[in-house]
Amino acid sequence: MEVVCHDTGVTCRLPERIFNVSYNEPLIHQITVAYLARKRQGSKAQKSRSEVSGSGKKPWRQKGTGRARAGSLRSPIWRSGGVSFAAKPKKYLLKINKKMYQGAIKSIFSELIRQNRLFIFTDFDIKSPKTKVLYQKLQSMNFKRVLIITDNISRNLLYASRNLYFVCILNAQSINPISLMSYDNILLTVSAIKKIKVMFR
């Protein structure tokens, strides 16, 4: 599969096993849900009636006072009592096979090419770490919401992009389904393609 590099016009060959795969929506959905679930902290914790501080003594006798019966100061219906169904730390991890994850990424890459949203660059860098320089370069190519994937992120590119909310820069090892689907245009360097070939054998 051959494409033309956007910056130099040189023909670049893409492996069809990665960039020419049929679109698998159920698999992509499953991988996306699993990826978002892994980002959840699951660290919320509340105290039940057995964990809050307070006496275990019965506040008053069972009968004869005219008040409702009560057995503990730590009851959930009392002030400073425990929580009825207390939340505890929880892991939201969903098991995803390596083959499934790679298959979803390949399917996304292939669909991006079919939609003309993936652009190949021989190299993508700027001469100075200035936001204005990067902004003007993207504007000249008519790119708006941009994800730049490269093998090695240069200091100039990193510093220039930090103040642009519509620009994200990732190295090839950090590719994920959410980032690939969240941006209008994906810029992929030749060096990153070589790294992806090794990763997705």
Protein backbone atom coordinates (compact mmCIF):
# COMPACT_ATOMS: atom_id res chain seq x y z
CA MET A 1 0.00 0.00 0.00
CA GLU A 2 1.63 3.24 -1.16
CA VAL A 3 0.89 6.80 -0.03
CA VAL A 4 2.53 10.14 -0.75
CA CYS A 5 4.28 11.97 2.08
CA HIS A 6 2.51 15.25 2.74
CA ASP A 7 5.67 17.32 3.20
CA THR A 8 8.08 16.02 0.55
CA GLY A 9 5.85 14.30 -2.02
CA VAL A 10 7.95 11.12 -1.75
CA THR A 11 6.08 7.82 -2.00
CA CYS A 12 5.97 5.85 1.24
CA ARG A 13 4.98 2.21 1.52
CA LEU A 14 2.62 1.23 4.34
CA PRO A 15 2.15 -2.37 5.51
CA GLU A 16 -1.30 -3.57 4.50
CA ARG A 17 -1.61 -5.79 7.58
CA ILE A 18 -1.77 -2.57 9.65
CA PHE A 19 -3.18 0.14 7.39
CA ASN A 20 -5.54 -1.84 5.14
CA VAL A 21 -7.78 -3.76 7.54
CA SER A 22 -11.58 -3.94 7.52
CA TYR A 23 -13.45 -1.77 10.01
CA ASN A 24 -14.46 -3.73 13.13
CA GLU A 25 -16.80 -1.51 15.15
CA PRO A 26 -17.70 -4.03 17.93
CA LEU A 27 -14.01 -4.68 18.63
CA ILE A 28 -13.17 -0.97 18.69
CA HIS A 29 -16.06 -0.33 21.09
CA GLN A 30 -14.88 -3.12 23.39
CA ILE A 31 -11.31 -1.84 23.41
CA THR A 32 -12.45 1.75 24.02
CA VAL A 33 -14.60 0.76 27.00
CA ALA A 34 -11.72 -1.26 28.46
CA TYR A 35 -9.25 1.60 27.93
CA LEU A 36 -11.50 4.14 29.67
CA ALA A 37 -12.18 1.69 32.51
CA ARG A 38 -8.45 1.33 33.14
CA LYS A 39 -8.17 5.10 33.61
CA ARG A 40 -10.66 5.06 36.50
CA GLN A 41 -8.97 5.41 39.89
CA GLY A 42 -11.52 3.37 41.81
CA SER A 43 -10.13 4.86 45.03
CA LYS A 44 -13.40 6.11 46.55
CA ALA A 45 -13.86 4.87 50.13
CA GLN A 46 -16.63 5.39 52.69
CA LYS A 47 -17.11 4.02 56.19
CA SER A 48 -19.84 1.57 57.07
CA ARG A 49 -21.47 1.41 60.51
CA SER A 50 -18.82 -1.04 61.69
CA GLU A 51 -15.99 1.36 60.81
CA VAL A 52 -17.14 4.76 62.11
CA SER A 53 -16.12 5.81 65.60
CA GLY A 54 -18.72 5.70 68.32
CA SER A 55 -20.05 3.60 71.15
CA GLY A 56 -21.74 0.27 70.62
CA LYS A 57 -24.00 0.88 73.57
CA LYS A 58 -27.77 0.98 73.07
CA PRO A 59 -28.79 4.68 73.41
CA TRP A 60 -31.94 4.01 75.48
CA ARG A 61 -34.04 1.11 76.51
CA GLN A 62 -36.19 -0.66 73.96
CA LYS A 63 -39.62 0.23 75.36
CA GLY A 64 -41.28 2.83 77.50
CA THR A 65 -39.64 6.05 76.31
CA GLY A 66 -42.11 6.93 73.54
CA ARG A 67 -39.27 7.27 71.07
CA ALA A 68 -38.41 5.03 68.18
CA ARG A 69 -36.27 2.06 69.10
CA ALA A 70 -32.55 2.50 68.50
CA GLY A 71 -29.72 0.03 68.85
CA SER A 72 -26.58 1.98 67.96
CA LEU A 73 -25.20 5.49 67.67
CA ARG A 74 -23.44 4.40 64.48
CA SER A 75 -26.65 3.66 62.60
CA PRO A 76 -26.82 5.14 59.06
CA ILE A 77 -29.96 7.12 59.98
CA TRP A 78 -28.11 9.01 62.70
CA ARG A 79 -25.86 12.04 62.32
CA SER A 80 -22.19 10.98 62.07
CA GLY A 81 -23.33 7.41 61.53
CA GLY A 82 -21.99 5.02 58.91
CA VAL A 83 -23.00 4.86 55.26
CA SER A 84 -25.59 2.24 54.37
CA PHE A 85 -23.88 0.83 51.27
CA ALA A 86 -20.36 2.16 51.72
CA ALA A 87 -18.23 2.46 48.59
CA LYS A 88 -14.91 0.63 48.77
CA PRO A 89 -11.77 0.77 46.58
CA LYS A 90 -12.47 -1.14 43.40
CA LYS A 91 -10.57 -2.17 40.29
CA TYR A 92 -12.40 -1.54 37.02
CA LEU A 93 -9.90 -3.41 34.84
CA LEU A 94 -11.34 -5.38 31.94
CA LYS A 95 -9.29 -8.18 30.44
CA ILE A 96 -8.21 -7.42 26.89
CA ASN A 97 -5.95 -9.69 24.88
CA LYS A 98 -2.94 -8.19 23.11
CA LYS A 99 -4.22 -9.48 19.78
CA MET A 100 -7.59 -7.77 20.31
CA TYR A 101 -5.96 -4.44 21.21
CA GLN A 102 -3.67 -4.51 18.20
CA GLY A 103 -6.57 -5.50 15.95
CA ALA A 104 -8.57 -2.47 17.11
CA ILE A 105 -5.66 -0.07 16.53
CA LYS A 106 -5.11 -1.50 13.04
CA SER A 107 -8.81 -1.11 12.26
CA ILE A 108 -8.75 2.53 13.41
CA PHE A 109 -5.64 3.32 11.34
CA SER A 110 -7.21 1.76 8.25
CA GLU A 111 -10.43 3.73 8.71
CA LEU A 112 -8.49 6.98 9.16
CA ILE A 113 -6.82 6.42 5.79
CA ARG A 114 -10.17 5.69 4.13
CA GLN A 115 -11.56 8.94 5.58
CA ASN A 116 -8.48 10.93 4.43
CA ARG A 117 -7.67 11.93 8.00
CA LEU A 118 -4.24 10.28 8.24
CA PHE A 119 -1.27 12.18 6.78
CA ILE A 120 2.23 10.77 6.42
CA PHE A 121 5.26 13.04 6.95
CA THR A 122 8.90 12.24 6.31
CA ASP A 123 9.65 14.32 9.40
CA PHE A 124 7.69 16.87 11.41
CA ASP A 125 9.59 19.40 13.50
CA ILE A 126 10.01 23.14 13.99
CA LYS A 127 13.14 25.27 14.31
CA SER A 128 12.29 27.00 17.60
CA PRO A 129 10.15 26.17 20.66
CA LYS A 130 7.58 28.85 19.85
CA THR A 131 3.84 28.28 19.91
CA LYS A 132 3.38 30.83 17.15
CA VAL A 133 5.73 28.92 14.83
CA LEU A 134 3.85 25.64 15.27
CA TYR A 135 0.47 27.35 14.98
CA GLN A 136 1.41 29.03 11.70
CA LYS A 137 2.78 25.77 10.31
CA LEU A 138 -0.46 23.92 11.08
CA GLN A 139 -2.56 26.80 9.74
CA SER A 140 -0.64 26.77 6.45
CA MET A 141 -1.63 23.11 6.00
CA ASN A 142 -5.22 23.83 7.08
CA PHE A 143 -5.06 21.46 10.06
CA LYS A 144 -7.27 22.18 13.08
CA ARG A 145 -7.56 19.46 15.72
CA VAL A 146 -4.29 17.58 15.27
CA LEU A 147 -2.65 14.50 16.76
CA ILE A 148 1.06 14.26 15.93
CA ILE A 149 2.64 10.81 16.28
CA THR A 150 6.40 10.63 16.05
CA ASP A 151 9.16 8.30 17.19
CA ASN A 152 11.12 10.87 19.19
CA ILE A 153 9.40 14.03 20.44
CA SER A 154 11.78 16.97 20.05
CA ARG A 155 12.12 19.66 22.70
CA ASN A 156 10.98 22.38 20.29
CA LEU A 157 7.85 20.51 19.31
CA LEU A 158 6.98 19.62 22.89
CA TYR A 159 7.33 23.18 24.20
CA ALA A 160 5.52 24.76 21.25
CA SER A 161 2.48 22.50 21.56
CA ARG A 162 1.89 22.83 25.31
CA ASN A 163 -0.22 25.95 24.95
CA LEU A 164 -2.34 24.68 22.04
CA TYR A 165 -5.35 22.79 23.35
CA PHE A 166 -6.18 21.40 19.90
CA VAL A 167 -2.73 19.81 19.41
CA CYS A 168 -1.57 16.57 21.01
CA ILE A 169 1.82 14.93 20.56
CA LEU A 170 2.47 11.24 21.24
CA ASN A 171 5.36 8.92 20.63
CA ALA A 172 4.70 5.67 18.81
CA GLN A 173 4.64 3.63 22.03
CA SER A 174 1.81 5.75 23.50
CA ILE A 175 -0.75 5.18 20.73
CA ASN A 176 -4.23 4.58 22.14
CA PRO A 177 -7.73 4.30 20.63
CA ILE A 178 -9.15 7.40 22.35
CA SER A 179 -6.47 9.73 20.99
CA LEU A 180 -6.71 8.30 17.47
CA MET A 181 -10.48 8.85 17.36
CA SER A 182 -10.60 12.22 19.16
CA TYR A 183 -8.74 14.35 16.61
CA ASP A 184 -9.73 15.43 13.11
CA ASN A 185 -6.28 14.98 11.59
CA ILE A 186 -3.54 12.49 12.45
CA LEU A 187 0.06 13.31 11.44
CA LEU A 188 2.29 10.23 11.34
CA THR A 189 6.03 10.37 10.68
CA VAL A 190 7.98 7.73 8.76
CA SER A 191 10.08 6.94 11.85
CA ALA A 192 6.89 6.30 13.83
CA ILE A 193 5.66 3.91 11.11
CA LYS A 194 8.86 1.87 11.46
CA LYS A 195 8.27 1.64 15.21
CA ILE A 196 4.63 0.64 14.67
CA LYS A 197 5.72 -2.13 12.28
CA VAL A 198 7.83 -3.64 15.07
CA MET A 199 5.09 -3.24 17.68
CA PHE A 200 2.27 -4.69 15.54
CA ARG A 201 3.83 -7.82 14.07
